Amino acid sequence: MAADLASVAVPPLIGSLCSGYGGLDLGVQAALGGTLAWHAEIDPGAARVLSRHWPTLPNLGDITAVNWAEVPEVCVVTAGFPCQRRLRRRPPRRTG
């Protein structure tokens, strides 16, 4: 059964993992009317874009180093796919 978002009294808090430049976050905010609570991005260029557009929002940085017990609880989590080649975690050519 689909949720009736119009009946939600308080817009949901949104957390963003591997945020990139925040495009997915903007789309989710537009669709749900929520508010971003935090994002997590390690790429310096993307982090600069995020800090420019959301200057008061905390960037949690590397998600493997976050103490999640200390992070504000959210209702919605967005997640982008990290650029494997850029992070040098994937071979430069397709292997299969």
PDB file of N, CA and C in Angstrom:
ATOM      1  N   MET A   1       0.846  -1.158   0.000  1.00  0.00           N
ATOM      2  CA  MET A   1       0.000   0.000   0.000  1.00  0.00           C
ATOM      3  C   MET A   1       0.902   1.235   0.000  1.00  0.00           C
ATOM      4  N   ALA A   2       0.647   2.157  -0.875  1.00  0.00           N
ATOM      5  CA  ALA A   2       1.448   3.381  -0.981  1.00  0.00           C
ATOM      6  C   ALA A   2       1.101   4.350   0.142  1.00  0.00           C
ATOM      7  N   ALA A   3       2.127   5.035   0.628  1.00  0.00           N
ATOM      8  CA  ALA A   3       1.908   6.033   1.685  1.00  0.00           C
ATOM      9  C   ALA A   3       1.285   7.287   1.092  1.00  0.00           C
ATOM     10  N   ASP A   4       0.362   7.875   1.816  1.00  0.00           N
ATOM     11  CA  ASP A   4      -0.240   9.135   1.403  1.00  0.00           C
ATOM     12  C   ASP A   4       0.611  10.263   1.977  1.00  0.00           C
ATOM     13  N   LEU A   5       1.526  10.808   1.161  1.00  0.00           N
ATOM     14  CA  LEU A   5       2.464  11.819   1.636  1.00  0.00           C
ATOM     15  C   LEU A   5       1.773  13.110   2.039  1.00  0.00           C
ATOM     16  N   ALA A   6       0.595  13.363   1.507  1.00  0.00           N
ATOM     17  CA  ALA A   6      -0.129  14.583   1.864  1.00  0.00           C
ATOM     18  C   ALA A   6      -0.592  14.543   3.320  1.00  0.00           C
ATOM     19  N   SER A   7      -0.741  13.337   3.874  1.00  0.00           N
ATOM     20  CA  SER A   7      -1.209  13.221   5.256  1.00  0.00           C
ATOM     21  C   SER A   7      -0.072  13.265   6.275  1.00  0.00           C
ATOM     22  N   VAL A   8       1.162  13.321   5.819  1.00  0.00           N
ATOM     23  CA  VAL A   8       2.302  13.381   6.731  1.00  0.00           C
ATOM     24  C   VAL A   8       2.368  14.777   7.338  1.00  0.00           C
ATOM     25  N   ALA A   9       2.326  14.848   8.674  1.00  0.00           N
ATOM     26  CA  ALA A   9       2.284  16.143   9.361  1.00  0.00           C
ATOM     27  C   ALA A   9       3.616  16.876   9.289  1.00  0.00           C
ATOM     28  N   VAL A  10       4.715  16.150   9.408  1.00  0.00           N
ATOM     29  CA  VAL A  10       6.042  16.756   9.402  1.00  0.00           C
ATOM     30  C   VAL A  10       6.825  16.176   8.233  1.00  0.00           C
ATOM     31  N   PRO A  11       7.404  17.029   7.393  1.00  0.00           N
ATOM     32  CA  PRO A  11       8.216  16.505   6.292  1.00  0.00           C
ATOM     33  C   PRO A  11       9.364  15.654   6.842  1.00  0.00           C
ATOM     34  N   PRO A  12       9.715  14.576   6.155  1.00  0.00           N
ATOM     35  CA  PRO A  12      10.740  13.671   6.674  1.00  0.00           C
ATOM     36  C   PRO A  12      12.141  14.280   6.643  1.00  0.00           C
ATOM     37  N   LEU A  13      12.958  13.864   7.606  1.00  0.00           N
ATOM     38  CA  LEU A  13      14.371  14.212   7.579  1.00  0.00           C
ATOM     39  C   LEU A  13      15.069  13.255   6.624  1.00  0.00           C
ATOM     40  N   ILE A  14      16.011  13.783   5.855  1.00  0.00           N
ATOM     41  CA  ILE A  14      16.697  13.018   4.824  1.00  0.00           C
ATOM     42  C   ILE A  14      18.188  13.004   5.117  1.00  0.00           C
ATOM     43  N   GLY A  15      18.793  11.825   5.003  1.00  0.00           N
ATOM     44  CA  GLY A  15      20.243  11.685   5.086  1.00  0.00           C
ATOM     45  C   GLY A  15      20.758  11.255   3.726  1.00  0.00           C
ATOM     46  N   SER A  16      21.942  11.698   3.361  1.00  0.00           N
ATOM     47  CA  SER A  16      22.467  11.431   2.029  1.00  0.00           C
ATOM     48  C   SER A  16      23.857  10.809   2.108  1.00  0.00           C
ATOM     49  N   LEU A  17      23.999   9.601   1.546  1.00  0.00           N
ATOM     50  CA  LEU A  17      25.283   8.906   1.488  1.00  0.00           C
ATOM     51  C   LEU A  17      25.853   9.006   0.080  1.00  0.00           C
ATOM     52  N   CYS A  18      27.174   9.153  -0.027  1.00  0.00           N
ATOM     53  CA  CYS A  18      27.831   9.271  -1.338  1.00  0.00           C
ATOM     54  C   CYS A  18      27.066  10.306  -2.162  1.00  0.00           C
ATOM     55  N   SER A  19      26.974  11.496  -1.620  1.00  0.00           N
ATOM     56  CA  SER A  19      26.060  12.536  -2.079  1.00  0.00           C
ATOM     57  C   SER A  19      26.370  13.132  -3.439  1.00  0.00           C
ATOM     58  N   GLY A  20      27.627  13.082  -3.866  1.00  0.00           N
ATOM     59  CA  GLY A  20      27.976  13.740  -5.118  1.00  0.00           C
ATOM     60  C   GLY A  20      27.714  15.229  -5.007  1.00  0.00           C
ATOM     61  N   TYR A  21      27.102  15.802  -6.034  1.00  0.00           N
ATOM     62  CA  TYR A  21      26.816  17.244  -5.997  1.00  0.00           C
ATOM     63  C   TYR A  21      25.447  17.546  -5.388  1.00  0.00           C
ATOM     64  N   GLY A  22      24.700  16.512  -4.980  1.00  0.00           N
ATOM     65  CA  GLY A  22      23.421  16.712  -4.307  1.00  0.00           C
ATOM     66  C   GLY A  22      22.199  16.651  -5.199  1.00  0.00           C
ATOM     67  N   GLY A  23      22.345  16.223  -6.431  1.00  0.00           N
ATOM     68  CA  GLY A  23      21.216  16.172  -7.357  1.00  0.00           C
ATOM     69  C   GLY A  23      20.108  15.236  -6.908  1.00  0.00           C
ATOM     70  N   LEU A  24      20.475  14.050  -6.445  1.00  0.00           N
ATOM     71  CA  LEU A  24      19.468  13.105  -5.963  1.00  0.00           C
ATOM     72  C   LEU A  24      18.748  13.676  -4.745  1.00  0.00           C
ATOM     73  N   ASP A  25      19.499  14.345  -3.887  1.00  0.00           N
ATOM     74  CA  ASP A  25      18.906  14.956  -2.691  1.00  0.00           C
ATOM     75  C   ASP A  25      17.860  16.003  -3.067  1.00  0.00           C
ATOM     76  N   LEU A  26      18.171  16.822  -4.061  1.00  0.00           N
ATOM     77  CA  LEU A  26      17.216  17.840  -4.515  1.00  0.00           C
ATOM     78  C   LEU A  26      15.938  17.199  -5.044  1.00  0.00           C
ATOM     79  N   GLY A  27      16.092  16.110  -5.799  1.00  0.00           N
ATOM     80  CA  GLY A  27      14.930  15.404  -6.335  1.00  0.00           C
ATOM     81  C   GLY A  27      14.063  14.806  -5.242  1.00  0.00           C
ATOM     82  N   VAL A  28      14.702  14.196  -4.259  1.00  0.00           N
ATOM     83  CA  VAL A  28      13.954  13.601  -3.144  1.00  0.00           C
ATOM     84  C   VAL A  28      13.267  14.691  -2.327  1.00  0.00           C
ATOM     85  N   GLN A  29      13.957  15.803  -2.102  1.00  0.00           N
ATOM     86  CA  GLN A  29      13.328  16.921  -1.387  1.00  0.00           C
ATOM     87  C   GLN A  29      12.113  17.441  -2.144  1.00  0.00           C
ATOM     88  N   ALA A  30      12.231  17.551  -3.457  1.00  0.00           N
ATOM     89  CA  ALA A  30      11.110  18.039  -4.261  1.00  0.00           C
ATOM     90  C   ALA A  30       9.937  17.058  -4.213  1.00  0.00           C
ATOM     91  N   ALA A  31      10.234  15.760  -4.234  1.00  0.00           N
ATOM     92  CA  ALA A  31       9.174  14.752  -4.248  1.00  0.00           C
ATOM     93  C   ALA A  31       8.506  14.579  -2.887  1.00  0.00           C
ATOM     94  N   LEU A  32       9.302  14.629  -1.815  1.00  0.00           N
ATOM     95  CA  LEU A  32       8.764  14.348  -0.481  1.00  0.00           C
ATOM     96  C   LEU A  32       8.548  15.585   0.380  1.00  0.00           C
ATOM     97  N   GLY A  33       9.161  16.690  -0.015  1.00  0.00           N
ATOM     98  CA  GLY A  33       9.065  17.894   0.796  1.00  0.00           C
ATOM     99  C   GLY A  33       9.881  17.824   2.065  1.00  0.00           C
ATOM    100  N   GLY A  34      10.855  16.942   2.107  1.00  0.00           N
ATOM    101  CA  GLY A  34      11.657  16.755   3.312  1.00  0.00           C
ATOM    102  C   GLY A  34      12.769  17.764   3.467  1.00  0.00           C
ATOM    103  N   THR A  35      13.513  17.594   4.543  1.00  0.00           N
ATOM    104  CA  THR A  35      14.633  18.461   4.873  1.00  0.00           C
ATOM    105  C   THR A  35      15.883  17.610   5.033  1.00  0.00           C
ATOM    106  N   LEU A  36      16.982  18.045   4.427  1.00  0.00           N
ATOM    107  CA  LEU A  36      18.246  17.329   4.593  1.00  0.00           C
ATOM    108  C   LEU A  36      18.789  17.538   6.000  1.00  0.00           C
ATOM    109  N   ALA A  37      19.208  16.441   6.636  1.00  0.00           N
ATOM    110  CA  ALA A  37      19.790  16.501   7.979  1.00  0.00           C
ATOM    111  C   ALA A  37      21.309  16.467   7.909  1.00  0.00           C
ATOM    112  N   TRP A  38      21.856  15.707   6.968  1.00  0.00           N
ATOM    113  CA  TRP A  38      23.300  15.568   6.795  1.00  0.00           C
ATOM    114  C   TRP A  38      23.585  14.918   5.447  1.00  0.00           C
ATOM    115  N   HIS A  39      24.806  15.034   5.009  1.00  0.00           N
ATOM    116  CA  HIS A  39      25.266  14.285   3.847  1.00  0.00           C
ATOM    117  C   HIS A  39      26.648  13.732   4.145  1.00  0.00           C
ATOM    118  N   ALA A  40      27.078  12.765   3.330  1.00  0.00           N
ATOM    119  CA  ALA A  40      28.383  12.136   3.500  1.00  0.00           C
ATOM    120  C   ALA A  40      29.050  12.059   2.131  1.00  0.00           C
ATOM    121  N   GLU A  41      30.115  12.808   1.961  1.00  0.00           N
ATOM    122  CA  GLU A  41      30.833  12.851   0.683  1.00  0.00           C
ATOM    123  C   GLU A  41      32.317  13.041   0.959  1.00  0.00           C
ATOM    124  N   ILE A  42      33.166  12.216   0.305  1.00  0.00           N
ATOM    125  CA  ILE A  42      34.610  12.327   0.517  1.00  0.00           C
ATOM    126  C   ILE A  42      35.331  13.013  -0.629  1.00  0.00           C
ATOM    127  N   ASP A  43      34.707  13.096  -1.790  1.00  0.00           N
ATOM    128  CA  ASP A  43      35.362  13.755  -2.919  1.00  0.00           C
ATOM    129  C   ASP A  43      35.460  15.254  -2.637  1.00  0.00           C
ATOM    130  N   PRO A  44      36.673  15.825  -2.679  1.00  0.00           N
ATOM    131  CA  PRO A  44      36.834  17.243  -2.334  1.00  0.00           C
ATOM    132  C   PRO A  44      36.030  18.197  -3.223  1.00  0.00           C
ATOM    133  N   GLY A  45      35.976  17.929  -4.522  1.00  0.00           N
ATOM    134  CA  GLY A  45      35.223  18.798  -5.424  1.00  0.00           C
ATOM    135  C   GLY A  45      33.735  18.767  -5.135  1.00  0.00           C
ATOM    136  N   ALA A  46      33.206  17.571  -4.979  1.00  0.00           N
ATOM    137  CA  ALA A  46      31.779  17.437  -4.665  1.00  0.00           C
ATOM    138  C   ALA A  46      31.471  18.031  -3.293  1.00  0.00           C
ATOM    139  N   ALA A  47      32.371  17.838  -2.338  1.00  0.00           N
ATOM    140  CA  ALA A  47      32.159  18.392  -0.992  1.00  0.00           C
ATOM    141  C   ALA A  47      32.116  19.918  -1.023  1.00  0.00           C
ATOM    142  N   ARG A  48      32.917  20.538  -1.901  1.00  0.00           N
ATOM    143  CA  ARG A  48      32.874  22.004  -2.033  1.00  0.00           C
ATOM    144  C   ARG A  48      31.525  22.461  -2.574  1.00  0.00           C
ATOM    145  N   VAL A  49      31.004  21.734  -3.568  1.00  0.00           N
ATOM    146  CA  VAL A  49      29.686  22.072  -4.120  1.00  0.00           C
ATOM    147  C   VAL A  49      28.623  21.952  -3.029  1.00  0.00           C
ATOM    148  N   LEU A  50      28.660  20.866  -2.276  1.00  0.00           N
ATOM    149  CA  LEU A  50      27.682  20.665  -1.200  1.00  0.00           C
ATOM    150  C   LEU A  50      27.765  21.772  -0.158  1.00  0.00           C
ATOM    151  N   SER A  51      28.987  22.135   0.239  1.00  0.00           N
ATOM    152  CA  SER A  51      29.127  23.171   1.271  1.00  0.00           C
ATOM    153  C   SER A  51      28.698  24.541   0.768  1.00  0.00           C
ATOM    154  N   ARG A  52      28.775  24.746  -0.528  1.00  0.00           N
ATOM    155  CA  ARG A  52      28.321  26.018  -1.100  1.00  0.00           C
ATOM    156  C   ARG A  52      26.792  26.110  -1.090  1.00  0.00           C
ATOM    157  N   HIS A  53      26.142  24.998  -1.450  1.00  0.00           N
ATOM    158  CA  HIS A  53      24.677  24.991  -1.544  1.00  0.00           C
ATOM    159  C   HIS A  53      23.985  24.729  -0.208  1.00  0.00           C
ATOM    160  N   TRP A  54      24.648  24.000   0.691  1.00  0.00           N
ATOM    161  CA  TRP A  54      24.101  23.699   2.019  1.00  0.00           C
ATOM    162  C   TRP A  54      25.164  24.039   3.071  1.00  0.00           C
ATOM    163  N   PRO A  55      25.439  25.320   3.290  1.00  0.00           N
ATOM    164  CA  PRO A  55      26.551  25.707   4.171  1.00  0.00           C
ATOM    165  C   PRO A  55      26.391  25.289   5.636  1.00  0.00           C
ATOM    166  N   THR A  56      25.182  25.081   6.100  1.00  0.00           N
ATOM    167  CA  THR A  56      24.989  24.718   7.512  1.00  0.00           C
ATOM    168  C   THR A  56      24.831  23.214   7.727  1.00  0.00           C
ATOM    169  N   LEU A  57      24.799  22.451   6.640  1.00  0.00           N
ATOM    170  CA  LEU A  57      24.580  21.010   6.739  1.00  0.00           C
ATOM    171  C   LEU A  57      25.898  20.284   7.009  1.00  0.00           C
ATOM    172  N   PRO A  58      25.938  19.398   8.006  1.00  0.00           N
ATOM    173  CA  PRO A  58      27.187  18.686   8.272  1.00  0.00           C
ATOM    174  C   PRO A  58      27.496  17.652   7.190  1.00  0.00           C
ATOM    175  N   ASN A  59      28.773  17.585   6.803  1.00  0.00           N
ATOM    176  CA  ASN A  59      29.260  16.544   5.908  1.00  0.00           C
ATOM    177  C   ASN A  59      29.952  15.511   6.784  1.00  0.00           C
ATOM    178  N   LEU A  60      29.410  14.304   6.832  1.00  0.00           N
ATOM    179  CA  LEU A  60      29.960  13.255   7.679  1.00  0.00           C
ATOM    180  C   LEU A  60      31.249  12.678   7.126  1.00  0.00           C
ATOM    181  N   GLY A  61      31.537  12.942   5.854  1.00  0.00           N
ATOM    182  CA  GLY A  61      32.780  12.452   5.257  1.00  0.00           C
ATOM    183  C   GLY A  61      32.724  10.969   4.947  1.00  0.00           C
ATOM    184  N   ASP A  62      33.790  10.268   5.280  1.00  0.00           N
ATOM    185  CA  ASP A  62      33.955   8.848   4.979  1.00  0.00           C
ATOM    186  C   ASP A  62      32.961   8.014   5.794  1.00  0.00           C
ATOM    187  N   ILE A  63      32.049   7.344   5.108  1.00  0.00           N
ATOM    188  CA  ILE A  63      30.997   6.598   5.809  1.00  0.00           C
ATOM    189  C   ILE A  63      31.544   5.400   6.582  1.00  0.00           C
ATOM    190  N   THR A  64      32.757   4.939   6.243  1.00  0.00           N
ATOM    191  CA  THR A  64      33.338   3.819   6.990  1.00  0.00           C
ATOM    192  C   THR A  64      33.915   4.267   8.329  1.00  0.00           C
ATOM    193  N   ALA A  65      34.059   5.577   8.524  1.00  0.00           N
ATOM    194  CA  ALA A  65      34.642   6.098   9.761  1.00  0.00           C
ATOM    195  C   ALA A  65      33.611   6.791  10.657  1.00  0.00           C
ATOM    196  N   VAL A  66      32.355   6.766  10.263  1.00  0.00           N
ATOM    197  CA  VAL A  66      31.301   7.466  11.010  1.00  0.00           C
ATOM    198  C   VAL A  66      30.838   6.620  12.197  1.00  0.00           C
ATOM    199  N   ASN A  67      30.665   7.244  13.338  1.00  0.00           N
ATOM    200  CA  ASN A  67      30.029   6.593  14.482  1.00  0.00           C
ATOM    201  C   ASN A  67      28.528   6.843  14.328  1.00  0.00           C
ATOM    202  N   TRP A  68      27.823   5.877  13.763  1.00  0.00           N
ATOM    203  CA  TRP A  68      26.418   6.065  13.408  1.00  0.00           C
ATOM    204  C   TRP A  68      25.521   6.253  14.627  1.00  0.00           C
ATOM    205  N   ALA A  69      25.982   5.869  15.799  1.00  0.00           N
ATOM    206  CA  ALA A  69      25.195   6.082  17.016  1.00  0.00           C
ATOM    207  C   ALA A  69      25.088   7.567  17.355  1.00  0.00           C
ATOM    208  N   GLU A  70      26.011   8.376  16.823  1.00  0.00           N
ATOM    209  CA  GLU A  70      26.020   9.815  17.107  1.00  0.00           C
ATOM    210  C   GLU A  70      25.385  10.664  16.001  1.00  0.00           C
ATOM    211  N   VAL A  71      24.944  10.015  14.929  1.00  0.00           N
ATOM    212  CA  VAL A  71      24.375  10.730  13.781  1.00  0.00           C
ATOM    213  C   VAL A  71      22.873  10.897  13.988  1.00  0.00           C
ATOM    214  N   PRO A  72      22.349  12.101  13.731  1.00  0.00           N
ATOM    215  CA  PRO A  72      20.899  12.300  13.870  1.00  0.00           C
ATOM    216  C   PRO A  72      20.103  11.304  13.018  1.00  0.00           C
ATOM    217  N   GLU A  73      19.055  10.757  13.603  1.00  0.00           N
ATOM    218  CA  GLU A  73      18.207   9.785  12.919  1.00  0.00           C
ATOM    219  C   GLU A  73      17.418  10.462  11.804  1.00  0.00           C
ATOM    220  N   VAL A  74      17.270   9.753  10.682  1.00  0.00           N
ATOM    221  CA  VAL A  74      16.508  10.264   9.544  1.00  0.00           C
ATOM    222  C   VAL A  74      15.446   9.244   9.151  1.00  0.00           C
ATOM    223  N   CYS A  75      14.467   9.695   8.376  1.00  0.00           N
ATOM    224  CA  CYS A  75      13.402   8.817   7.885  1.00  0.00           C
ATOM    225  C   CYS A  75      13.701   8.280   6.495  1.00  0.00           C
ATOM    226  N   VAL A  76      14.476   9.037   5.718  1.00  0.00           N
ATOM    227  CA  VAL A  76      14.792   8.682   4.339  1.00  0.00           C
ATOM    228  C   VAL A  76      16.301   8.757   4.154  1.00  0.00           C
ATOM    229  N   VAL A  77      16.876   7.742   3.497  1.00  0.00           N
ATOM    230  CA  VAL A  77      18.300   7.760   3.166  1.00  0.00           C
ATOM    231  C   VAL A  77      18.432   7.681   1.655  1.00  0.00           C
ATOM    232  N   THR A  78      19.177   8.623   1.084  1.00  0.00           N
ATOM    233  CA  THR A  78      19.510   8.557  -0.335  1.00  0.00           C
ATOM    234  C   THR A  78      20.952   8.089  -0.440  1.00  0.00           C
ATOM    235  N   ALA A  79      21.296   7.480  -1.556  1.00  0.00           N
ATOM    236  CA  ALA A  79      22.670   7.020  -1.748  1.00  0.00           C
ATOM    237  C   ALA A  79      23.010   7.030  -3.224  1.00  0.00           C
ATOM    238  N   GLY A  80      24.124   7.661  -3.538  1.00  0.00           N
ATOM    239  CA  GLY A  80      24.632   7.647  -4.902  1.00  0.00           C
ATOM    240  C   GLY A  80      25.638   6.520  -5.046  1.00  0.00           C
ATOM    241  N   PHE A  81      25.996   6.219  -6.274  1.00  0.00           N
ATOM    242  CA  PHE A  81      27.011   5.208  -6.528  1.00  0.00           C
ATOM    243  C   PHE A  81      28.354   5.895  -6.659  1.00  0.00           C
ATOM    244  N   PRO A  82      29.345   5.509  -5.850  1.00  0.00           N
ATOM    245  CA  PRO A  82      30.673   6.128  -5.968  1.00  0.00           C
ATOM    246  C   PRO A  82      31.268   5.856  -7.348  1.00  0.00           C
ATOM    247  N   CYS A  83      32.011   6.813  -7.857  1.00  0.00           N
ATOM    248  CA  CYS A  83      32.690   6.661  -9.147  1.00  0.00           C
ATOM    249  C   CYS A  83      33.907   5.770  -8.939  1.00  0.00           C
ATOM    250  N   GLN A  84      33.786   4.496  -9.266  1.00  0.00           N
ATOM    251  CA  GLN A  84      34.848   3.534  -8.989  1.00  0.00           C
ATOM    252  C   GLN A  84      36.160   3.869  -9.700  1.00  0.00           C
ATOM    253  N   ARG A  85      36.097   4.274 -10.961  1.00  0.00           N
ATOM    254  CA  ARG A  85      37.337   4.605 -11.671  1.00  0.00           C
ATOM    255  C   ARG A  85      38.032   5.791 -11.035  1.00  0.00           C
ATOM    256  N   ARG A  86      37.264   6.791 -10.687  1.00  0.00           N
ATOM    257  CA  ARG A  86      37.859   7.985 -10.102  1.00  0.00           C
ATOM    258  C   ARG A  86      38.501   7.680  -8.756  1.00  0.00           C
ATOM    259  N   LEU A  87      37.926   6.760  -8.016  1.00  0.00           N
ATOM    260  CA  LEU A  87      38.486   6.372  -6.728  1.00  0.00           C
ATOM    261  C   LEU A  87      39.567   5.302  -6.875  1.00  0.00           C
ATOM    262  N   ARG A  88      39.865   4.920  -8.120  1.00  0.00           N
ATOM    263  CA  ARG A  88      40.879   3.920  -8.453  1.00  0.00           C
ATOM    264  C   ARG A  88      40.603   2.557  -7.810  1.00  0.00           C
ATOM    265  N   ARG A  89      39.347   2.222  -7.729  1.00  0.00           N
ATOM    266  CA  ARG A  89      38.954   0.927  -7.165  1.00  0.00           C
ATOM    267  C   ARG A  89      38.465  -0.032  -8.242  1.00  0.00           C
ATOM    268  N   ARG A  90      38.520   0.392  -9.476  1.00  0.00           N
ATOM    269  CA  ARG A  90      38.066  -0.452 -10.572  1.00  0.00           C
ATOM    270  C   ARG A  90      39.110  -0.389 -11.675  1.00  0.00           C
ATOM    271  N   PRO A  91      39.354  -1.498 -12.371  1.00  0.00           N
ATOM    272  CA  PRO A  91      40.331  -1.470 -13.468  1.00  0.00           C
ATOM    273  C   PRO A  91      39.920  -0.468 -14.544  1.00  0.00           C
ATOM    274  N   PRO A  92      40.896   0.129 -15.246  1.00  0.00           N
ATOM    275  CA  PRO A  92      40.574   1.115 -16.280  1.00  0.00           C
ATOM    276  C   PRO A  92      39.825   0.528 -17.469  1.00  0.00           C
ATOM    277  N   ARG A  93      39.925  -0.775 -17.667  1.00  0.00           N
ATOM    278  CA  ARG A  93      39.222  -1.422 -18.775  1.00  0.00           C
ATOM    279  C   ARG A  93      38.271  -2.470 -18.235  1.00  0.00           C
ATOM    280  N   ARG A  94      37.256  -2.713 -19.006  1.00  0.00           N
ATOM    281  CA  ARG A  94      36.289  -3.733 -18.621  1.00  0.00           C
ATOM    282  C   ARG A  94      36.961  -5.100 -18.629  1.00  0.00           C
ATOM    283  N   THR A  95      36.689  -5.913 -17.614  1.00  0.00           N
ATOM    284  CA  THR A  95      37.345  -7.211 -17.500  1.00  0.00           C
ATOM    285  C   THR A  95      36.429  -8.378 -17.845  1.00  0.00           C
ATOM    286  N   GLY A  96      35.201  -8.103 -18.161  1.00  0.00           N
ATOM    287  CA  GLY A  96      34.320  -9.228 -18.452  1.00  0.00           C
ATOM    288  C   GLY A  96      33.064  -8.826 -19.131  1.00  0.00           C
TER     289      GLY A  96
END
